[in-house]
Structure formats: C-alpha cells, structure tokens
N, C-alpha and C. Protein backbone atom coordinates (compact mmCIF):
# COMPACT_ATOMS: atom_id res chain seq x y z
N UNK A 1 88.64 96.18 73.89
CA UNK A 1 89.23 95.24 74.84
C UNK A 1 90.37 95.93 75.59
N UNK A 2 90.45 95.73 76.92
CA UNK A 2 91.52 96.36 77.68
C UNK A 2 92.88 95.80 77.30
N UNK A 3 93.91 96.58 77.57
CA UNK A 3 95.27 96.16 77.28
C UNK A 3 95.63 94.94 78.14
N UNK A 4 96.30 93.98 77.54
CA UNK A 4 96.68 92.76 78.25
C UNK A 4 97.71 93.07 79.33
N UNK A 5 97.55 92.44 80.48
CA UNK A 5 98.48 92.60 81.59
C UNK A 5 99.64 91.65 81.37
N UNK A 6 100.85 92.17 81.47
CA UNK A 6 102.07 91.37 81.33
C UNK A 6 102.91 91.53 82.59
N UNK A 7 104.05 90.85 82.62
CA UNK A 7 104.97 90.97 83.77
C UNK A 7 105.45 92.41 83.95
N UNK A 8 105.42 93.19 82.87
CA UNK A 8 105.92 94.57 82.91
C UNK A 8 104.85 95.58 83.33
N UNK A 9 103.61 95.15 83.48
CA UNK A 9 102.53 96.05 83.87
C UNK A 9 102.73 96.47 85.33
N UNK A 10 102.55 97.75 85.61
CA UNK A 10 102.75 98.24 86.97
C UNK A 10 101.54 97.95 87.85
N UNK A 11 101.80 97.88 89.15
CA UNK A 11 100.70 97.70 90.10
C UNK A 11 99.70 98.84 89.98
N UNK A 12 100.19 100.03 89.74
CA UNK A 12 99.31 101.19 89.60
C UNK A 12 98.29 100.96 88.49
N UNK A 13 98.75 100.47 87.33
CA UNK A 13 97.84 100.22 86.21
C UNK A 13 96.87 99.08 86.51
N UNK A 14 97.36 98.03 87.15
CA UNK A 14 96.51 96.88 87.47
C UNK A 14 95.42 97.29 88.45
N UNK A 15 95.79 98.11 89.44
CA UNK A 15 94.82 98.46 90.48
C UNK A 15 93.82 99.51 90.05
N UNK A 16 93.88 99.93 88.80
CA UNK A 16 92.83 100.80 88.27
C UNK A 16 91.54 100.01 88.09
N UNK A 17 91.67 98.69 88.10
CA UNK A 17 90.52 97.79 87.98
C UNK A 17 90.09 97.40 89.40
N UNK A 18 88.86 97.67 89.80
CA UNK A 18 88.42 97.38 91.17
C UNK A 18 88.59 95.91 91.58
N UNK A 19 88.45 94.98 90.64
CA UNK A 19 88.53 93.56 90.97
C UNK A 19 89.97 93.09 91.20
N UNK A 20 90.94 93.84 90.74
CA UNK A 20 92.33 93.39 90.76
C UNK A 20 92.88 93.22 92.17
N UNK A 21 92.55 94.10 93.07
CA UNK A 21 93.08 94.02 94.44
C UNK A 21 92.77 92.69 95.10
N UNK A 22 91.54 92.23 94.96
CA UNK A 22 91.17 90.96 95.60
C UNK A 22 91.90 89.78 94.95
N UNK A 23 92.17 89.85 93.65
CA UNK A 23 92.92 88.78 92.98
C UNK A 23 94.35 88.74 93.52
N UNK A 24 94.97 89.90 93.64
CA UNK A 24 96.34 89.95 94.17
C UNK A 24 96.40 89.40 95.59
N UNK A 25 95.47 89.81 96.44
CA UNK A 25 95.46 89.34 97.82
C UNK A 25 95.22 87.83 97.87
N UNK A 26 94.34 87.32 97.01
CA UNK A 26 94.08 85.87 96.94
C UNK A 26 95.36 85.09 96.64
N UNK A 27 96.25 85.69 95.84
CA UNK A 27 97.51 85.04 95.49
C UNK A 27 98.62 85.34 96.51
N UNK A 28 98.28 86.02 97.60
CA UNK A 28 99.27 86.28 98.65
C UNK A 28 100.06 87.57 98.45
N UNK A 29 99.62 88.42 97.53
CA UNK A 29 100.28 89.70 97.31
C UNK A 29 99.42 90.77 97.98
N UNK A 30 99.92 91.28 99.09
CA UNK A 30 99.12 92.20 99.89
C UNK A 30 99.47 93.67 99.65
N UNK A 31 100.16 93.95 98.56
CA UNK A 31 100.55 95.33 98.23
C UNK A 31 99.38 96.32 98.23
N UNK A 32 98.21 95.93 97.74
CA UNK A 32 97.11 96.91 97.74
C UNK A 32 96.75 97.39 99.14
N UNK A 33 97.10 96.62 100.16
CA UNK A 33 96.78 96.98 101.54
C UNK A 33 97.92 97.70 102.25
N UNK A 34 99.09 97.74 101.62
CA UNK A 34 100.29 98.27 102.28
C UNK A 34 100.51 99.75 101.95
N UNK A 35 100.58 100.59 102.99
CA UNK A 35 100.78 102.02 102.72
C UNK A 35 102.13 102.31 102.07
N UNK A 36 103.15 101.52 102.36
CA UNK A 36 104.46 101.77 101.76
C UNK A 36 104.46 101.44 100.27
N UNK A 37 103.76 100.39 99.88
CA UNK A 37 103.71 100.00 98.47
C UNK A 37 102.99 101.06 97.65
N UNK A 38 102.02 101.72 98.25
CA UNK A 38 101.27 102.75 97.52
C UNK A 38 102.19 103.85 96.98
N UNK A 39 103.25 104.12 97.70
CA UNK A 39 104.20 105.15 97.28
C UNK A 39 104.93 104.72 96.01
N UNK A 40 105.18 103.43 95.86
CA UNK A 40 105.99 102.92 94.75
C UNK A 40 105.18 102.22 93.66
N UNK A 41 103.87 102.23 93.74
CA UNK A 41 103.06 101.44 92.80
C UNK A 41 103.29 101.79 91.34
N UNK A 42 103.67 103.02 91.06
CA UNK A 42 103.89 103.41 89.67
C UNK A 42 105.13 102.74 89.09
N UNK A 43 106.05 102.31 89.95
CA UNK A 43 107.27 101.69 89.44
C UNK A 43 107.36 100.19 89.70
N UNK A 44 106.47 99.65 90.52
CA UNK A 44 106.50 98.21 90.81
C UNK A 44 105.83 97.43 89.68
N UNK A 45 106.58 96.53 89.07
CA UNK A 45 106.04 95.70 87.99
C UNK A 45 105.53 94.39 88.58
N UNK A 46 104.39 93.92 88.08
CA UNK A 46 103.73 92.76 88.67
C UNK A 46 104.61 91.51 88.63
N UNK A 47 105.42 91.35 87.59
CA UNK A 47 106.31 90.19 87.53
C UNK A 47 107.31 90.17 88.67
N UNK A 48 107.90 91.33 88.97
CA UNK A 48 108.87 91.44 90.07
C UNK A 48 108.18 91.18 91.41
N UNK A 49 107.01 91.76 91.58
CA UNK A 49 106.27 91.60 92.83
C UNK A 49 105.90 90.13 93.03
N UNK A 50 105.40 89.48 92.00
CA UNK A 50 105.00 88.08 92.11
C UNK A 50 106.19 87.20 92.49
N UNK A 51 107.34 87.44 91.87
CA UNK A 51 108.52 86.63 92.21
C UNK A 51 108.96 86.89 93.65
N UNK A 52 108.85 88.12 94.11
CA UNK A 52 109.22 88.44 95.49
C UNK A 52 108.38 87.64 96.48
N UNK A 53 107.10 87.44 96.14
CA UNK A 53 106.20 86.71 97.02
C UNK A 53 106.09 85.23 96.65
N UNK A 54 106.97 84.75 95.76
CA UNK A 54 106.96 83.35 95.32
C UNK A 54 105.61 82.93 94.76
N UNK A 55 105.00 83.81 93.99
CA UNK A 55 103.72 83.55 93.35
C UNK A 55 103.98 83.09 91.92
N UNK A 56 103.20 82.13 91.44
CA UNK A 56 103.32 81.67 90.07
C UNK A 56 102.85 82.81 89.15
N UNK A 57 103.80 83.41 88.44
CA UNK A 57 103.51 84.58 87.61
C UNK A 57 102.51 84.25 86.51
N UNK A 58 102.68 83.11 85.86
CA UNK A 58 101.79 82.73 84.76
C UNK A 58 100.34 82.57 85.24
N UNK A 59 100.16 81.90 86.38
CA UNK A 59 98.79 81.72 86.91
C UNK A 59 98.17 83.07 87.29
N UNK A 60 98.96 83.93 87.91
CA UNK A 60 98.46 85.24 88.32
C UNK A 60 98.06 86.07 87.11
N UNK A 61 98.93 86.11 86.10
CA UNK A 61 98.62 86.89 84.89
C UNK A 61 97.39 86.35 84.19
N UNK A 62 97.26 85.02 84.14
CA UNK A 62 96.08 84.43 83.50
C UNK A 62 94.81 84.85 84.22
N UNK A 63 94.82 84.74 85.54
CA UNK A 63 93.61 85.10 86.30
C UNK A 63 93.30 86.58 86.16
N UNK A 64 94.32 87.43 86.23
CA UNK A 64 94.09 88.87 86.08
C UNK A 64 93.50 89.17 84.70
N UNK A 65 94.12 88.62 83.66
CA UNK A 65 93.65 88.90 82.30
C UNK A 65 92.27 88.32 82.05
N UNK A 66 92.01 87.10 82.53
CA UNK A 66 90.69 86.49 82.33
C UNK A 66 89.60 87.31 83.04
N UNK A 67 89.87 87.69 84.28
CA UNK A 67 88.88 88.41 85.07
C UNK A 67 88.67 89.83 84.55
N UNK A 68 89.76 90.53 84.28
CA UNK A 68 89.65 91.94 83.91
C UNK A 68 89.16 92.12 82.48
N UNK A 69 89.32 91.12 81.62
CA UNK A 69 88.80 91.24 80.27
C UNK A 69 87.29 91.07 80.25
N UNK A 70 86.74 90.41 81.29
CA UNK A 70 85.30 90.21 81.39
C UNK A 70 84.58 91.46 81.88
N UNK A 71 85.31 92.31 82.62
CA UNK A 71 84.66 93.48 83.22
C UNK A 71 84.59 94.66 82.28
C-alpha cells in the first residue's frame, strides 16, 4: 500500500501519481500547471498550499488518499 498523504506531503511526492494533478486542479489548486511552482514543488507541502487556496484540507487529503490507494 502506498504511503498515506498528509498535510506534510510535498507536491513533488503527490504529483508522482498521474491522477493527482487532476484532483488538485478540481479543488482549485493549479500548481501542477504553473511553471513557477514546479521550481518549488520539493518544498511545498500540500497543507500549506491548500490553505493558501482556501481549500478544505481534510476533503482534499481524503480524495487524494482514496484515489491514489486504488491505483
């Protein structure tokens, strides 16, 4: 089973999963599409990013973990 995604998981680790980008964009987080974010993805934690975009962190983590554990 893959490692569970938490608020401390980096965007870089999350985006190793092909399905993750579309989940982030669905929640209004467009970092996967931003060339500037790509430079910082190793240090950007999903909890910080979600709060910056006023995204419900718990819902986002649940969807990421549910979807990525199935793949």
